[in-house]
N, C-alpha and C. Protein backbone atom coordinates (compact mmCIF):
# COMPACT_ATOMS: atom_id res chain seq x y z
N MET A 1 85.37 206.85 88.85
CA MET A 1 86.26 205.65 88.88
C MET A 1 85.77 204.51 89.06
N VAL A 2 84.53 204.12 89.72
CA VAL A 2 83.91 203.15 90.11
C VAL A 2 83.37 202.55 88.80
N ARG A 3 82.88 203.23 87.86
CA ARG A 3 82.35 202.81 86.53
C ARG A 3 83.41 202.29 85.97
N ILE A 4 84.59 202.74 85.79
CA ILE A 4 85.72 202.54 85.13
C ILE A 4 86.41 201.14 85.81
N MET A 5 86.34 201.10 87.16
CA MET A 5 86.75 199.56 87.59
C MET A 5 85.81 198.75 87.39
N ILE A 6 84.44 198.90 87.11
CA ILE A 6 83.39 197.73 86.75
C ILE A 6 83.45 197.25 85.46
N ALA A 7 83.72 198.33 84.57
CA ALA A 7 83.85 198.18 83.25
C ALA A 7 85.00 197.21 82.84
N ALA A 8 86.43 197.66 83.40
CA ALA A 8 87.47 196.77 83.33
C ALA A 8 87.49 195.54 84.15
N LEU A 9 86.59 195.20 84.96
CA LEU A 9 86.41 193.92 85.61
C LEU A 9 85.50 193.29 84.71
N GLY A 10 84.60 193.85 83.91
CA GLY A 10 83.67 193.23 83.37
C GLY A 10 84.39 192.67 81.90
N VAL A 11 85.64 193.53 81.43
CA VAL A 11 86.21 193.06 80.44
C VAL A 11 86.99 191.75 80.55
N LEU A 12 87.70 191.78 81.86
CA LEU A 12 88.41 190.72 82.47
C LEU A 12 87.64 189.58 82.25
N LEU A 13 86.37 189.50 82.89
CA LEU A 13 85.75 188.21 83.09
C LEU A 13 85.18 187.89 81.70
N VAL A 14 84.96 188.56 81.06
CA VAL A 14 84.42 188.27 79.51
C VAL A 14 85.41 187.80 78.84
N GLY A 15 86.84 188.20 78.94
CA GLY A 15 87.93 187.92 78.14
C GLY A 15 88.16 186.28 78.86
N TRP A 16 87.87 186.22 80.09
CA TRP A 16 87.90 184.62 80.70
C TRP A 16 86.76 183.80 80.16
N GLY A 17 85.88 184.26 79.63
CA GLY A 17 84.54 183.74 79.21
C GLY A 17 84.36 182.96 80.28
N ALA A 18 83.90 183.88 81.41
CA ALA A 18 83.23 183.52 82.80
C ALA A 18 81.67 183.36 82.70
N VAL A 19 81.09 184.29 81.88
CA VAL A 19 79.53 184.33 81.73
C VAL A 19 79.21 184.28 80.13
N PRO A 20 77.97 184.00 79.98
CA PRO A 20 77.35 183.87 78.82
C PRO A 20 77.25 185.54 78.56
N ALA A 21 76.99 185.68 76.96
CA ALA A 21 76.85 186.95 76.70
C ALA A 21 75.39 187.71 77.10
N THR A 22 74.56 186.63 77.15
CA THR A 22 72.94 187.40 77.55
C THR A 22 73.39 187.57 79.13
N ALA A 23 74.30 187.18 79.89
CA ALA A 23 74.11 187.69 81.29
C ALA A 23 75.24 188.86 81.69
N GLN A 24 76.11 188.97 80.98
CA GLN A 24 77.21 189.73 80.84
C GLN A 24 76.71 191.26 81.67
N THR A 25 75.65 191.84 80.93
CA THR A 25 75.03 193.09 81.53
C THR A 25 74.36 192.81 83.18
N GLU A 26 74.14 191.50 83.54
CA GLU A 26 73.32 191.64 84.79
C GLU A 26 74.29 191.13 85.88
N LEU A 27 75.20 190.36 85.68
CA LEU A 27 76.23 190.08 86.95
C LEU A 27 77.53 189.88 86.24
N LEU A 28 78.62 190.20 87.02
CA LEU A 28 80.19 189.95 86.60
C LEU A 28 80.55 188.76 87.68
N CYS A 29 80.48 187.84 86.83
CA CYS A 29 81.03 186.38 87.70
C CYS A 29 82.09 185.44 87.06
N GLY A 30 82.62 184.73 87.85
CA GLY A 30 83.78 184.01 87.29
C GLY A 30 84.28 182.99 88.27
N GLU A 31 84.81 181.94 87.96
CA GLU A 31 85.79 181.21 89.06
C GLU A 31 86.58 181.89 90.03
N ARG A 32 86.16 182.05 91.02
CA ARG A 32 87.10 182.66 92.20
C ARG A 32 88.61 182.84 91.84
N ALA A 33 89.38 181.86 91.89
CA ALA A 33 90.81 181.89 91.57
C ALA A 33 90.92 183.10 90.41
N LYS A 34 90.23 183.03 89.38
CA LYS A 34 90.40 183.89 88.09
C LYS A 34 90.19 185.63 88.43
N VAL A 35 88.88 185.59 89.08
CA VAL A 35 88.29 186.97 89.87
C VAL A 35 89.40 187.49 90.90
N VAL A 36 89.84 186.85 91.94
CA VAL A 36 91.01 187.15 92.59
C VAL A 36 91.89 187.78 91.66
N ALA A 37 92.76 186.71 90.79
CA ALA A 37 94.13 187.08 90.18
C ALA A 37 93.96 188.11 89.67
N GLY A 38 92.50 188.54 88.65
CA GLY A 38 92.46 189.59 87.88
C GLY A 38 92.32 191.19 88.72
N LEU A 39 91.90 190.70 89.66
CA LEU A 39 91.71 192.05 90.74
C LEU A 39 92.98 192.32 91.24
N GLU A 40 93.79 191.41 91.53
CA GLU A 40 95.57 191.58 91.93
C GLU A 40 96.07 192.14 90.99
N LYS A 41 95.79 191.75 89.98
CA LYS A 41 97.01 192.02 88.74
C LYS A 41 96.48 193.51 88.26
N GLY A 42 95.09 193.54 88.02
CA GLY A 42 94.89 194.89 87.81
C GLY A 42 94.58 196.08 88.63
N TYR A 43 94.79 195.76 89.94
CA TYR A 43 94.29 197.06 90.76
C TYR A 43 94.92 196.91 92.11
N GLU A 44 95.91 195.60 92.04
CA GLU A 44 96.80 195.14 93.38
C GLU A 44 95.75 195.06 94.60
N GLU A 45 94.63 194.57 94.28
CA GLU A 45 93.65 194.18 95.30
C GLU A 45 93.83 192.73 95.74
N THR A 46 94.16 192.76 97.14
CA THR A 46 94.03 191.35 97.93
C THR A 46 93.17 191.30 98.82
N PRO A 47 92.76 189.94 99.03
CA PRO A 47 91.60 189.87 100.24
C PRO A 47 92.31 190.35 101.50
N THR A 48 91.27 191.27 102.12
CA THR A 48 91.50 192.09 103.50
C THR A 48 90.77 191.48 104.66
N SER A 49 89.35 190.93 104.34
CA SER A 49 88.61 190.31 105.20
C SER A 49 87.52 189.48 104.35
N MET A 50 86.74 188.74 105.37
CA MET A 50 85.84 187.76 104.73
C MET A 50 84.91 187.35 105.92
N GLY A 51 83.63 187.23 105.48
CA GLY A 51 82.76 186.42 106.60
C GLY A 51 81.87 185.45 105.72
N LEU A 52 81.36 184.49 106.70
CA LEU A 52 80.59 183.45 105.93
C LEU A 52 79.04 184.00 105.96
N ALA A 53 78.18 183.92 104.90
CA ALA A 53 76.85 184.56 104.93
C ALA A 53 76.02 183.21 105.20
N SER A 54 74.75 183.65 105.69
CA SER A 54 73.73 182.39 106.40
C SER A 54 73.39 181.45 105.09
N ASN A 55 73.57 182.04 103.98
CA ASN A 55 73.41 181.03 102.79
C ASN A 55 74.41 179.96 102.21
N GLY A 56 75.82 180.14 103.12
CA GLY A 56 76.86 179.38 103.18
C GLY A 56 77.77 180.10 101.97
N ALA A 57 77.51 181.16 101.27
CA ALA A 57 78.28 182.11 100.57
C ALA A 57 79.44 182.62 101.37
N VAL A 58 80.49 182.75 100.99
CA VAL A 58 81.54 183.76 101.18
C VAL A 58 81.52 185.10 100.76
N VAL A 59 81.98 186.16 101.78
CA VAL A 59 81.65 187.61 101.34
C VAL A 59 83.16 187.92 101.47
N GLU A 60 83.92 188.53 100.68
CA GLU A 60 85.02 189.01 100.79
C GLU A 60 85.43 190.43 100.25
N VAL A 61 86.08 191.13 101.17
CA VAL A 61 86.71 192.44 100.81
C VAL A 61 88.26 192.35 100.28
N LEU A 62 88.21 192.98 99.01
CA LEU A 62 89.72 193.20 98.36
C LEU A 62 89.96 194.34 98.38
N ALA A 63 91.07 194.81 99.07
CA ALA A 63 91.30 196.04 98.91
C ALA A 63 92.91 196.40 98.35
N SER A 64 93.42 197.50 97.86
CA SER A 64 94.72 197.89 97.51
C SER A 64 95.32 198.87 98.68
N PRO A 65 96.57 198.72 98.40
CA PRO A 65 97.21 200.03 99.17
C PRO A 65 96.92 201.49 98.82
N LYS A 66 96.36 201.49 97.44
CA LYS A 66 95.90 202.97 96.96
C LYS A 66 94.55 203.20 97.32
N GLY A 67 93.58 202.21 97.99
CA GLY A 67 92.41 202.48 98.69
C GLY A 67 91.34 202.28 97.72
N THR A 68 91.63 201.35 96.48
CA THR A 68 90.54 200.69 95.83
C THR A 68 89.96 199.34 96.48
N PHE A 69 88.69 199.16 95.99
CA PHE A 69 88.20 197.79 96.79
C PHE A 69 87.21 197.15 96.02
N THR A 70 86.92 195.98 96.36
CA THR A 70 86.11 195.41 95.59
C THR A 70 85.42 194.22 96.48
N ILE A 71 83.99 194.05 96.36
CA ILE A 71 83.30 193.17 97.27
C ILE A 71 82.95 192.07 96.67
N ILE A 72 83.32 190.74 96.68
CA ILE A 72 83.01 189.73 95.93
C ILE A 72 81.93 188.80 96.93
N LEU A 73 81.11 187.93 96.39
CA LEU A 73 80.22 186.81 97.05
C LEU A 73 80.69 185.83 96.22
N THR A 74 81.12 184.93 97.01
CA THR A 74 81.56 183.60 96.47
C THR A 74 80.64 182.35 97.01
N GLN A 75 79.79 181.46 96.02
CA GLN A 75 78.80 180.36 96.08
C GLN A 75 79.86 179.19 96.61
N PRO A 76 79.31 178.14 97.41
CA PRO A 76 79.96 177.09 97.80
C PRO A 76 80.69 176.70 96.46
N ASN A 77 79.90 176.73 95.12
CA ASN A 77 80.30 175.86 94.09
C ASN A 77 81.61 176.61 93.40
N GLY A 78 82.25 177.76 93.82
CA GLY A 78 83.24 178.19 93.44
C GLY A 78 83.05 179.40 92.62
N LEU A 79 81.82 179.95 92.26
CA LEU A 79 81.67 181.03 91.53
C LEU A 79 81.28 182.24 92.17
N SER A 80 82.15 183.04 91.86
CA SER A 80 82.34 184.52 92.63
C SER A 80 81.73 185.54 91.66
N CYS A 81 80.78 186.48 92.50
CA CYS A 81 80.40 187.68 91.56
C CYS A 81 80.51 188.78 92.13
N LEU A 82 80.90 189.85 91.49
CA LEU A 82 81.33 191.09 91.86
C LEU A 82 80.03 191.95 92.23
N MET A 83 79.98 192.27 93.77
CA MET A 83 78.78 192.99 94.45
C MET A 83 79.12 194.42 94.54
N ALA A 84 80.31 194.97 94.72
CA ALA A 84 80.71 196.25 94.84
C ALA A 84 82.07 196.40 94.46
N ALA A 85 82.33 197.83 94.13
CA ALA A 85 83.94 198.33 93.85
C ALA A 85 83.82 199.80 94.14
N GLY A 86 84.75 200.15 94.33
CA GLY A 86 85.03 201.89 94.84
C GLY A 86 86.40 202.33 95.20
N ASP A 87 86.44 203.29 95.40
CA ASP A 87 87.39 204.22 96.18
C ASP A 87 87.72 204.30 97.45
N ASN A 88 88.46 204.99 98.18
CA ASN A 88 88.74 205.32 99.47
C ASN A 88 88.36 204.40 100.41
N TRP A 89 88.98 202.94 100.41
CA TRP A 89 88.70 202.09 101.42
C TRP A 89 89.68 202.37 102.50
N GLU A 90 88.80 202.33 103.63
CA GLU A 90 89.84 202.55 104.97
C GLU A 90 89.60 201.20 105.94
N ASP A 91 90.59 200.77 106.43
CA ASP A 91 90.46 199.80 107.42
C ASP A 91 90.24 200.58 108.94
N LEU A 92 89.38 200.29 109.85
CA LEU A 92 89.13 200.85 111.04
C LEU A 92 89.90 199.89 112.08
N PRO A 93 90.55 200.95 113.12
CA PRO A 93 91.03 200.14 114.01
C PRO A 93 90.46 199.14 114.88
N HIS A 94 90.54 198.05 115.19
CA HIS A 94 89.81 197.15 115.97
C HIS A 94 89.63 197.61 117.47
N LYS A 95 88.44 197.67 117.89
CA LYS A 95 88.07 198.08 119.39
C LYS A 95 88.55 196.93 120.25
N ILE A 96 89.28 197.14 121.12
CA ILE A 96 89.55 196.36 122.25
C ILE A 96 88.34 196.23 123.23
N VAL A 97 87.76 195.02 123.71
CA VAL A 97 86.43 195.02 124.54
C VAL A 97 87.13 194.37 125.67
N ASN A 98 86.62 195.05 126.92
CA ASN A 98 87.02 194.61 128.23
C ASN A 98 86.11 193.46 128.37
N GLN A 99 86.53 192.15 128.71
CA GLN A 99 85.65 191.06 129.01
C GLN A 99 85.05 191.08 130.07
N ARG A 100 85.69 191.83 131.23
CA ARG A 100 84.59 192.21 132.40
C ARG A 100 83.44 192.67 132.28
N ASN A 101 83.59 193.83 131.89
CA ASN A 101 82.34 194.87 131.74
C ASN A 101 81.83 195.20 130.10
N GLY A 102 82.50 194.40 129.31
CA GLY A 102 81.90 194.80 128.08
C GLY A 102 82.13 195.99 127.16
N VAL A 103 83.20 196.71 127.89
CA VAL A 103 83.43 198.25 127.55
C VAL A 103 85.09 197.97 126.68
């Protein structure tokens, strides 16, 4: 399933003209808005969590109610690249920390 998702995303990105032909096999990248829209349309994935990397890039997890997920890395210039994709994503419950004793 992961290979199917990566191949489909590759077709979407190539269709958008996101990467030159020589780079298509190396990384799947494109304008963030188009990448997110393609994942939402094709897999019903929407952003669920994000964080700022030490190099200024934003790491995002997009997931669907069906459990598919994609992790993208977006550079400050708006270019997003696929880092991973798969099935069986599960959100874990947030642990409540007691501020007094750290438990």
